Amino acid sequence: GEKLEAMVRDVCKPNEFERYMMFIGDLEKVVSLLL
């Protein structure tokens, strides 16, 4: 995931990268909450 994050940071605009990071962060939180 860290390697993927670095690649996404390199190719995306800052606001798009921010969306990606928020999604990845929320993924764990929401799945854990549901479980």
PDB file of all heavy atoms in Angstrom:
ATOM      1  N   GLY A   1       0.815  -1.213   0.000  1.00  0.00           N
ATOM      2  CA  GLY A   1       0.000   0.000   0.000  1.00  0.00           C
ATOM      3  C   GLY A   1       0.848   1.261   0.000  1.00  0.00           C
ATOM      4  O   GLY A   1       0.498   2.256  -0.648  1.00  0.00           O
ATOM      5  N   GLU A   2       1.979   1.221   0.722  1.00  0.00           N
ATOM      6  CA  GLU A   2       2.880   2.379   0.746  1.00  0.00           C
ATOM      7  C   GLU A   2       3.492   2.624  -0.633  1.00  0.00           C
ATOM      8  O   GLU A   2       3.621   3.781  -1.059  1.00  0.00           O
ATOM      9  CB  GLU A   2       3.974   2.173   1.791  1.00  0.00           C
ATOM     10  CG  GLU A   2       3.464   2.250   3.223  1.00  0.00           C
ATOM     11  CD  GLU A   2       4.488   1.846   4.265  1.00  0.00           C
ATOM     12  OE1 GLU A   2       5.675   1.658   3.911  1.00  0.00           O
ATOM     13  OE2 GLU A   2       4.096   1.700   5.431  1.00  0.00           O
ATOM     14  N   LYS A   3       3.850   1.537  -1.333  1.00  0.00           N
ATOM     15  CA  LYS A   3       4.400   1.682  -2.686  1.00  0.00           C
ATOM     16  C   LYS A   3       3.342   2.239  -3.638  1.00  0.00           C
ATOM     17  O   LYS A   3       3.627   3.112  -4.469  1.00  0.00           O
ATOM     18  CB  LYS A   3       4.914   0.337  -3.198  1.00  0.00           C
ATOM     19  CG  LYS A   3       6.145  -0.165  -2.472  1.00  0.00           C
ATOM     20  CD  LYS A   3       6.531  -1.550  -2.939  1.00  0.00           C
ATOM     21  CE  LYS A   3       7.662  -2.106  -2.073  1.00  0.00           C
ATOM     22  NZ  LYS A   3       7.854  -3.535  -2.296  1.00  0.00           N
ATOM     23  N   LEU A   4       2.128   1.722  -3.492  1.00  0.00           N
ATOM     24  CA  LEU A   4       1.018   2.190  -4.315  1.00  0.00           C
ATOM     25  C   LEU A   4       0.753   3.669  -4.041  1.00  0.00           C
ATOM     26  O   LEU A   4       0.554   4.470  -4.969  1.00  0.00           O
ATOM     27  CB  LEU A   4      -0.225   1.344  -4.002  1.00  0.00           C
ATOM     28  CG  LEU A   4      -1.391   1.370  -4.958  1.00  0.00           C
ATOM     29  CD1 LEU A   4      -0.963   0.956  -6.358  1.00  0.00           C
ATOM     30  CD2 LEU A   4      -2.482   0.438  -4.454  1.00  0.00           C
ATOM     31  N   GLU A   5       0.790   4.042  -2.768  1.00  0.00           N
ATOM     32  CA  GLU A   5       0.579   5.436  -2.369  1.00  0.00           C
ATOM     33  C   GLU A   5       1.622   6.352  -3.020  1.00  0.00           C
ATOM     34  O   GLU A   5       1.280   7.429  -3.540  1.00  0.00           O
ATOM     35  CB  GLU A   5       0.668   5.539  -0.851  1.00  0.00           C
ATOM     36  CG  GLU A   5       0.539   6.928  -0.287  1.00  0.00           C
ATOM     37  CD  GLU A   5       0.733   6.956   1.211  1.00  0.00           C
ATOM     38  OE1 GLU A   5       0.329   5.992   1.906  1.00  0.00           O
ATOM     39  OE2 GLU A   5       1.294   7.954   1.696  1.00  0.00           O
ATOM     40  N   ALA A   6       2.879   5.940  -3.004  1.00  0.00           N
ATOM     41  CA  ALA A   6       3.954   6.746  -3.606  1.00  0.00           C
ATOM     42  C   ALA A   6       3.714   6.918  -5.105  1.00  0.00           C
ATOM     43  O   ALA A   6       3.892   8.019  -5.647  1.00  0.00           O
ATOM     44  CB  ALA A   6       5.307   6.093  -3.342  1.00  0.00           C
ATOM     45  N   MET A   7       3.296   5.829  -5.758  1.00  0.00           N
ATOM     46  CA  MET A   7       3.036   5.905  -7.191  1.00  0.00           C
ATOM     47  C   MET A   7       1.872   6.863  -7.476  1.00  0.00           C
ATOM     48  O   MET A   7       1.947   7.704  -8.378  1.00  0.00           O
ATOM     49  CB  MET A   7       2.714   4.516  -7.749  1.00  0.00           C
ATOM     50  CG  MET A   7       2.434   4.520  -9.238  1.00  0.00           C
ATOM     51  SD  MET A   7       2.048   2.896  -9.911  1.00  0.00           S
ATOM     52  CE  MET A   7       0.596   2.439  -9.012  1.00  0.00           C
ATOM     53  N   VAL A   8       0.801   6.752  -6.686  1.00  0.00           N
ATOM     54  CA  VAL A   8      -0.376   7.607  -6.881  1.00  0.00           C
ATOM     55  C   VAL A   8       0.009   9.069  -6.625  1.00  0.00           C
ATOM     56  O   VAL A   8      -0.413   9.962  -7.364  1.00  0.00           O
ATOM     57  CB  VAL A   8      -1.545   7.151  -5.969  1.00  0.00           C
ATOM     58  CG1 VAL A   8      -2.681   8.166  -5.985  1.00  0.00           C
ATOM     59  CG2 VAL A   8      -2.059   5.780  -6.401  1.00  0.00           C
ATOM     60  N   ARG A   9       0.823   9.323  -5.600  1.00  0.00           N
ATOM     61  CA  ARG A   9       1.272  10.689  -5.298  1.00  0.00           C
ATOM     62  C   ARG A   9       2.026  11.275  -6.502  1.00  0.00           C
ATOM     63  O   ARG A   9       1.854  12.438  -6.833  1.00  0.00           O
ATOM     64  CB  ARG A   9       2.169  10.710  -4.064  1.00  0.00           C
ATOM     65  CG  ARG A   9       2.638  12.135  -3.712  1.00  0.00           C
ATOM     66  CD  ARG A   9       3.640  12.203  -2.571  1.00  0.00           C
ATOM     67  NE  ARG A   9       3.114  11.695  -1.326  1.00  0.00           N
ATOM     68  CZ  ARG A   9       3.571  10.601  -0.706  1.00  0.00           C
ATOM     69  NH1 ARG A   9       4.572   9.906  -1.219  1.00  0.00           N
ATOM     70  NH2 ARG A   9       3.052  10.212   0.430  1.00  0.00           N
ATOM     71  N   ASP A  10       2.843  10.436  -7.142  1.00  0.00           N
ATOM     72  CA  ASP A  10       3.652  10.898  -8.279  1.00  0.00           C
ATOM     73  C   ASP A  10       2.821  11.244  -9.511  1.00  0.00           C
ATOM     74  O   ASP A  10       3.184  12.158 -10.257  1.00  0.00           O
ATOM     75  CB  ASP A  10       4.693   9.842  -8.663  1.00  0.00           C
ATOM     76  CG  ASP A  10       5.796   9.699  -7.633  1.00  0.00           C
ATOM     77  OD1 ASP A  10       5.952  10.610  -6.786  1.00  0.00           O
ATOM     78  OD2 ASP A  10       6.494   8.667  -7.664  1.00  0.00           O
ATOM     79  N   VAL A  11       1.732  10.518  -9.740  1.00  0.00           N
ATOM     80  CA  VAL A  11       0.995  10.703 -10.997  1.00  0.00           C
ATOM     81  C   VAL A  11      -0.253  11.580 -10.883  1.00  0.00           C
ATOM     82  O   VAL A  11      -0.675  12.160 -11.886  1.00  0.00           O
ATOM     83  CB  VAL A  11       0.611   9.340 -11.643  1.00  0.00           C
ATOM     84  CG1 VAL A  11       1.844   8.534 -11.965  1.00  0.00           C
ATOM     85  CG2 VAL A  11      -0.368   8.559 -10.779  1.00  0.00           C
ATOM     86  N   CYS A  12      -0.810  11.701  -9.689  1.00  0.00           N
ATOM     87  CA  CYS A  12      -2.074  12.435  -9.537  1.00  0.00           C
ATOM     88  C   CYS A  12      -1.847  13.885  -9.106  1.00  0.00           C
ATOM     89  O   CYS A  12      -0.796  14.236  -8.576  1.00  0.00           O
ATOM     90  CB  CYS A  12      -2.957  11.761  -8.486  1.00  0.00           C
ATOM     91  SG  CYS A  12      -3.647  10.198  -9.012  1.00  0.00           S
ATOM     92  N   LYS A  13      -2.861  14.703  -9.324  1.00  0.00           N
ATOM     93  CA  LYS A  13      -2.869  16.071  -8.798  1.00  0.00           C
ATOM     94  C   LYS A  13      -3.040  15.987  -7.284  1.00  0.00           C
ATOM     95  O   LYS A  13      -3.600  15.006  -6.776  1.00  0.00           O
ATOM     96  CB  LYS A  13      -4.036  16.856  -9.409  1.00  0.00           C
ATOM     97  CG  LYS A  13      -3.943  17.023 -10.912  1.00  0.00           C
ATOM     98  CD  LYS A  13      -5.195  17.687 -11.440  1.00  0.00           C
ATOM     99  CE  LYS A  13      -5.205  17.682 -12.960  1.00  0.00           C
ATOM    100  NZ  LYS A  13      -6.530  17.996 -13.497  1.00  0.00           N
ATOM    101  N   PRO A  14      -2.590  17.018  -6.557  1.00  0.00           N
ATOM    102  CA  PRO A  14      -2.680  16.978  -5.077  1.00  0.00           C
ATOM    103  C   PRO A  14      -4.094  16.706  -4.544  1.00  0.00           C
ATOM    104  O   PRO A  14      -4.262  15.913  -3.621  1.00  0.00           O
ATOM    105  CB  PRO A  14      -2.185  18.363  -4.661  1.00  0.00           C
ATOM    106  CG  PRO A  14      -1.262  18.777  -5.756  1.00  0.00           C
ATOM    107  CD  PRO A  14      -1.859  18.208  -7.020  1.00  0.00           C
ATOM    108  N   ASN A  15      -5.117  17.337  -5.133  1.00  0.00           N
ATOM    109  CA  ASN A  15      -6.480  17.103  -4.630  1.00  0.00           C
ATOM    110  C   ASN A  15      -6.953  15.676  -4.921  1.00  0.00           C
ATOM    111  O   ASN A  15      -7.691  15.074  -4.130  1.00  0.00           O
ATOM    112  CB  ASN A  15      -7.459  18.128  -5.204  1.00  0.00           C
ATOM    113  CG  ASN A  15      -7.609  18.036  -6.707  1.00  0.00           C
ATOM    114  OD1 ASN A  15      -6.671  17.685  -7.432  1.00  0.00           O
ATOM    115  ND2 ASN A  15      -8.815  18.357  -7.178  1.00  0.00           N
ATOM    116  N   GLU A  16      -6.501  15.101  -6.035  1.00  0.00           N
ATOM    117  CA  GLU A  16      -6.865  13.714  -6.364  1.00  0.00           C
ATOM    118  C   GLU A  16      -6.155  12.748  -5.414  1.00  0.00           C
ATOM    119  O   GLU A  16      -6.747  11.764  -4.959  1.00  0.00           O
ATOM    120  CB  GLU A  16      -6.497  13.396  -7.811  1.00  0.00           C
ATOM    121  CG  GLU A  16      -7.311  14.193  -8.823  1.00  0.00           C
ATOM    122  CD  GLU A  16      -6.773  14.085 -10.239  1.00  0.00           C
ATOM    123  OE1 GLU A  16      -5.545  13.933 -10.422  1.00  0.00           O
ATOM    124  OE2 GLU A  16      -7.606  14.156 -11.165  1.00  0.00           O
ATOM    125  N   PHE A  17      -4.894  13.056  -5.128  1.00  0.00           N
ATOM    126  CA  PHE A  17      -4.145  12.227  -4.179  1.00  0.00           C
ATOM    127  C   PHE A  17      -4.808  12.275  -2.804  1.00  0.00           C
ATOM    128  O   PHE A  17      -4.919  11.259  -2.121  1.00  0.00           O
ATOM    129  CB  PHE A  17      -2.686  12.693  -4.094  1.00  0.00           C
ATOM    130  CG  PHE A  17      -1.888  11.956  -3.071  1.00  0.00           C
ATOM    131  CD1 PHE A  17      -1.575  10.608  -3.243  1.00  0.00           C
ATOM    132  CD2 PHE A  17      -1.458  12.589  -1.915  1.00  0.00           C
ATOM    133  CE1 PHE A  17      -0.848   9.910  -2.290  1.00  0.00           C
ATOM    134  CE2 PHE A  17      -0.730  11.905  -0.951  1.00  0.00           C
ATOM    135  CZ  PHE A  17      -0.423  10.567  -1.139  1.00  0.00           C
ATOM    136  N   GLU A  18      -5.269  13.448  -2.423  1.00  0.00           N
ATOM    137  CA  GLU A  18      -5.952  13.609  -1.125  1.00  0.00           C
ATOM    138  C   GLU A  18      -7.221  12.740  -1.073  1.00  0.00           C
ATOM    139  O   GLU A  18      -7.505  12.103  -0.059  1.00  0.00           O
ATOM    140  CB  GLU A  18      -6.301  15.082  -0.913  1.00  0.00           C
ATOM    141  CG  GLU A  18      -6.827  15.401   0.461  1.00  0.00           C
ATOM    142  CD  GLU A  18      -5.811  15.148   1.567  1.00  0.00           C
ATOM    143  OE1 GLU A  18      -4.602  15.361   1.345  1.00  0.00           O
ATOM    144  OE2 GLU A  18      -6.238  14.706   2.651  1.00  0.00           O
ATOM    145  N   ARG A  19      -7.954  12.708  -2.173  1.00  0.00           N
ATOM    146  CA  ARG A  19      -9.158  11.854  -2.236  1.00  0.00           C
ATOM    147  C   ARG A  19      -8.786  10.383  -2.067  1.00  0.00           C
ATOM    148  O   ARG A  19      -9.462   9.629  -1.379  1.00  0.00           O
ATOM    149  CB  ARG A  19      -9.874  12.027  -3.574  1.00  0.00           C
ATOM    150  CG  ARG A  19     -10.765  13.230  -3.627  1.00  0.00           C
ATOM    151  CD  ARG A  19     -11.508  13.204  -4.924  1.00  0.00           C
ATOM    152  NE  ARG A  19     -12.922  13.086  -4.610  1.00  0.00           N
ATOM    153  CZ  ARG A  19     -13.874  13.560  -5.376  1.00  0.00           C
ATOM    154  NH1 ARG A  19     -13.587  14.154  -6.502  1.00  0.00           N
ATOM    155  NH2 ARG A  19     -15.129  13.423  -5.029  1.00  0.00           N
ATOM    156  N   TYR A  20      -7.721   9.987  -2.746  1.00  0.00           N
ATOM    157  CA  TYR A  20      -7.236   8.610  -2.636  1.00  0.00           C
ATOM    158  C   TYR A  20      -6.887   8.290  -1.185  1.00  0.00           C
ATOM    159  O   TYR A  20      -7.308   7.263  -0.651  1.00  0.00           O
ATOM    160  CB  TYR A  20      -6.005   8.419  -3.546  1.00  0.00           C
ATOM    161  CG  TYR A  20      -5.288   7.112  -3.314  1.00  0.00           C
ATOM    162  CD1 TYR A  20      -5.742   5.940  -3.911  1.00  0.00           C
ATOM    163  CD2 TYR A  20      -4.178   7.041  -2.477  1.00  0.00           C
ATOM    164  CE1 TYR A  20      -5.097   4.728  -3.697  1.00  0.00           C
ATOM    165  CE2 TYR A  20      -3.528   5.830  -2.253  1.00  0.00           C
ATOM    166  CZ  TYR A  20      -3.989   4.682  -2.860  1.00  0.00           C
ATOM    167  OH  TYR A  20      -3.357   3.485  -2.619  1.00  0.00           O
ATOM    168  N   MET A  21      -6.118   9.163  -0.551  1.00  0.00           N
ATOM    169  CA  MET A  21      -5.678   8.921   0.827  1.00  0.00           C
ATOM    170  C   MET A  21      -6.868   8.879   1.791  1.00  0.00           C
ATOM    171  O   MET A  21      -6.903   8.039   2.702  1.00  0.00           O
ATOM    172  CB  MET A  21      -4.676  10.001   1.273  1.00  0.00           C
ATOM    173  CG  MET A  21      -3.334   9.895   0.575  1.00  0.00           C
ATOM    174  SD  MET A  21      -2.556   8.271   0.761  1.00  0.00           S
ATOM    175  CE  MET A  21      -2.283   8.232   2.522  1.00  0.00           C
ATOM    176  N   MET A  22      -7.832   9.760   1.595  1.00  0.00           N
ATOM    177  CA  MET A  22      -9.023   9.748   2.463  1.00  0.00           C
ATOM    178  C   MET A  22      -9.797   8.439   2.285  1.00  0.00           C
ATOM    179  O   MET A  22     -10.247   7.852   3.262  1.00  0.00           O
ATOM    180  CB  MET A  22      -9.911  10.953   2.171  1.00  0.00           C
ATOM    181  CG  MET A  22      -9.348  12.239   2.742  1.00  0.00           C
ATOM    182  SD  MET A  22     -10.414  13.657   2.448  1.00  0.00           S
ATOM    183  CE  MET A  22     -11.864  13.195   3.367  1.00  0.00           C
ATOM    184  N   PHE A  23      -9.917   8.001   1.031  1.00  0.00           N
ATOM    185  CA  PHE A  23     -10.626   6.744   0.792  1.00  0.00           C
ATOM    186  C   PHE A  23      -9.916   5.582   1.471  1.00  0.00           C
ATOM    187  O   PHE A  23     -10.546   4.787   2.179  1.00  0.00           O
ATOM    188  CB  PHE A  23     -10.763   6.462  -0.720  1.00  0.00           C
ATOM    189  CG  PHE A  23     -11.131   5.042  -0.997  1.00  0.00           C
ATOM    190  CD1 PHE A  23     -12.403   4.567  -0.707  1.00  0.00           C
ATOM    191  CD2 PHE A  23     -10.199   4.145  -1.490  1.00  0.00           C
ATOM    192  CE1 PHE A  23     -12.739   3.238  -0.908  1.00  0.00           C
ATOM    193  CE2 PHE A  23     -10.527   2.817  -1.701  1.00  0.00           C
ATOM    194  CZ  PHE A  23     -11.795   2.367  -1.414  1.00  0.00           C
ATOM    195  N   ILE A  24      -8.608   5.453   1.290  1.00  0.00           N
ATOM    196  CA  ILE A  24      -7.856   4.340   1.875  1.00  0.00           C
ATOM    197  C   ILE A  24      -7.949   4.377   3.398  1.00  0.00           C
ATOM    198  O   ILE A  24      -8.140   3.346   4.054  1.00  0.00           O
ATOM    199  CB  ILE A  24      -6.378   4.356   1.408  1.00  0.00           C
ATOM    200  CG1 ILE A  24      -6.282   4.097  -0.104  1.00  0.00           C
ATOM    201  CG2 ILE A  24      -5.538   3.351   2.184  1.00  0.00           C
ATOM    202  CD1 ILE A  24      -6.797   2.743  -0.559  1.00  0.00           C
ATOM    203  N   GLY A  25      -7.833   5.562   3.984  1.00  0.00           N
ATOM    204  CA  GLY A  25      -7.950   5.695   5.440  1.00  0.00           C
ATOM    205  C   GLY A  25      -9.333   5.312   5.942  1.00  0.00           C
ATOM    206  O   GLY A  25      -9.472   4.621   6.960  1.00  0.00           O
ATOM    207  N   ASP A  26     -10.350   5.763   5.233  1.00  0.00           N
ATOM    208  CA  ASP A  26     -11.722   5.473   5.651  1.00  0.00           C
ATOM    209  C   ASP A  26     -12.101   4.016   5.420  1.00  0.00           C
ATOM    210  O   ASP A  26     -12.958   3.481   6.114  1.00  0.00           O
ATOM    211  CB  ASP A  26     -12.708   6.391   4.926  1.00  0.00           C
ATOM    212  CG  ASP A  26     -12.614   7.837   5.399  1.00  0.00           C
ATOM    213  OD1 ASP A  26     -11.927   8.091   6.415  1.00  0.00           O
ATOM    214  OD2 ASP A  26     -13.208   8.718   4.746  1.00  0.00           O
ATOM    215  N   LEU A  27     -11.473   3.381   4.435  1.00  0.00           N
ATOM    216  CA  LEU A  27     -11.766   1.973   4.150  1.00  0.00           C
ATOM    217  C   LEU A  27     -11.582   1.121   5.404  1.00  0.00           C
ATOM    218  O   LEU A  27     -12.480   0.379   5.812  1.00  0.00           O
ATOM    219  CB  LEU A  27     -10.851   1.465   3.025  1.00  0.00           C
ATOM    220  CG  LEU A  27     -10.928  -0.025   2.697  1.00  0.00           C
ATOM    221  CD1 LEU A  27     -12.283  -0.362   2.091  1.00  0.00           C
ATOM    222  CD2 LEU A  27      -9.813  -0.413   1.735  1.00  0.00           C
ATOM    223  N   GLU A  28     -10.430   1.245   6.027  1.00  0.00           N
ATOM    224  CA  GLU A  28     -10.150   0.456   7.227  1.00  0.00           C
ATOM    225  C   GLU A  28     -11.110   0.806   8.359  1.00  0.00           C
ATOM    226  O   GLU A  28     -11.636  -0.073   9.041  1.00  0.00           O
ATOM    227  CB  GLU A  28      -8.707   0.669   7.663  1.00  0.00           C
ATOM    228  CG  GLU A  28      -8.301  -0.241   8.796  1.00  0.00           C
ATOM    229  CD  GLU A  28      -6.803  -0.259   9.033  1.00  0.00           C
ATOM    230  OE1 GLU A  28      -6.024   0.139   8.145  1.00  0.00           O
ATOM    231  OE2 GLU A  28      -6.424  -0.704  10.127  1.00  0.00           O
ATOM    232  N   LYS A  29     -11.371   2.097   8.548  1.00  0.00           N
ATOM    233  CA  LYS A  29     -12.252   2.530   9.638  1.00  0.00           C
ATOM    234  C   LYS A  29     -13.672   1.996   9.469  1.00  0.00           C
ATOM    235  O   LYS A  29     -14.265   1.478  10.412  1.00  0.00           O
ATOM    236  CB  LYS A  29     -12.284   4.058   9.721  1.00  0.00           C
ATOM    237  CG  LYS A  29     -10.984   4.674  10.164  1.00  0.00           C
ATOM    238  CD  LYS A  29     -11.048   6.193  10.056  1.00  0.00           C
ATOM    239  CE  LYS A  29      -9.673   6.792  10.208  1.00  0.00           C
ATOM    240  NZ  LYS A  29      -9.613   8.168   9.715  1.00  0.00           N
ATOM    241  N   VAL A  30     -14.209   2.124   8.256  1.00  0.00           N
ATOM    242  CA  VAL A  30     -15.603   1.719   8.020  1.00  0.00           C
ATOM    243  C   VAL A  30     -15.758   0.195   8.094  1.00  0.00           C
ATOM    244  O   VAL A  30     -16.697  -0.305   8.719  1.00  0.00           O
ATOM    245  CB  VAL A  30     -16.123   2.279   6.677  1.00  0.00           C
ATOM    246  CG1 VAL A  30     -17.485   1.693   6.327  1.00  0.00           C
ATOM    247  CG2 VAL A  30     -16.209   3.802   6.740  1.00  0.00           C
ATOM    248  N   VAL A  31     -14.830  -0.536   7.497  1.00  0.00           N
ATOM    249  CA  VAL A  31     -14.903  -2.001   7.548  1.00  0.00           C
ATOM    250  C   VAL A  31     -14.768  -2.476   8.999  1.00  0.00           C
ATOM    251  O   VAL A  31     -15.533  -3.326   9.462  1.00  0.00           O
ATOM    252  CB  VAL A  31     -13.835  -2.652   6.639  1.00  0.00           C
ATOM    253  CG1 VAL A  31     -13.743  -4.151   6.881  1.00  0.00           C
ATOM    254  CG2 VAL A  31     -14.162  -2.377   5.175  1.00  0.00           C
ATOM    255  N   SER A  32     -13.835  -1.898   9.740  1.00  0.00           N
ATOM    256  CA  SER A  32     -13.652  -2.276  11.148  1.00  0.00           C
ATOM    257  C   SER A  32     -14.895  -1.951  11.968  1.00  0.00           C
ATOM    258  O   SER A  32     -15.309  -2.742  12.819  1.00  0.00           O
ATOM    259  CB  SER A  32     -12.435  -1.567  11.746  1.00  0.00           C
ATOM    260  OG  SER A  32     -11.255  -2.012  11.126  1.00  0.00           O
ATOM    261  N   LEU A  33     -15.486  -0.792  11.718  1.00  0.00           N
ATOM    262  CA  LEU A  33     -16.709  -0.403  12.430  1.00  0.00           C
ATOM    263  C   LEU A  33     -17.838  -1.392  12.160  1.00  0.00           C
ATOM    264  O   LEU A  33     -18.513  -1.856  13.084  1.00  0.00           O
ATOM    265  CB  LEU A  33     -17.134   1.008  12.022  1.00  0.00           C
ATOM    266  CG  LEU A  33     -18.451   1.515  12.609  1.00  0.00           C
ATOM    267  CD1 LEU A  33     -18.352   1.647  14.127  1.00  0.00           C
ATOM    268  CD2 LEU A  33     -18.833   2.850  11.978  1.00  0.00           C
ATOM    269  N   LEU A  34     -18.026  -1.730  10.889  1.00  0.00           N
ATOM    270  CA  LEU A  34     -19.082  -2.686  10.528  1.00  0.00           C
ATOM    271  C   LEU A  34     -18.869  -4.041  11.194  1.00  0.00           C
ATOM    272  O   LEU A  34     -19.804  -4.641  11.726  1.00  0.00           O
ATOM    273  CB  LEU A  34     -19.117  -2.865   9.011  1.00  0.00           C
ATOM    274  CG  LEU A  34     -20.244  -2.203   8.255  1.00  0.00           C
ATOM    275  CD1 LEU A  34     -20.052  -2.376   6.762  1.00  0.00           C
ATOM    276  CD2 LEU A  34     -21.595  -2.670   8.686  1.00  0.00           C
ATOM    277  N   LEU A  35     -17.633  -4.514  11.169  1.00  0.00           N
ATOM    278  CA  LEU A  35     -17.326  -5.807  11.779  1.00  0.00           C
ATOM    279  C   LEU A  35     -17.554  -5.773  13.289  1.00  0.00           C
ATOM    280  O   LEU A  35     -18.124  -6.708  13.859  1.00  0.00           O
ATOM    281  CB  LEU A  35     -15.880  -6.213  11.473  1.00  0.00           C
ATOM    282  CG  LEU A  35     -15.561  -6.512  10.016  1.00  0.00           C
ATOM    283  CD1 LEU A  35     -14.059  -6.680   9.819  1.00  0.00           C
ATOM    284  CD2 LEU A  35     -16.304  -7.748   9.548  1.00  0.00           C
TER     285      LEU A  35
END
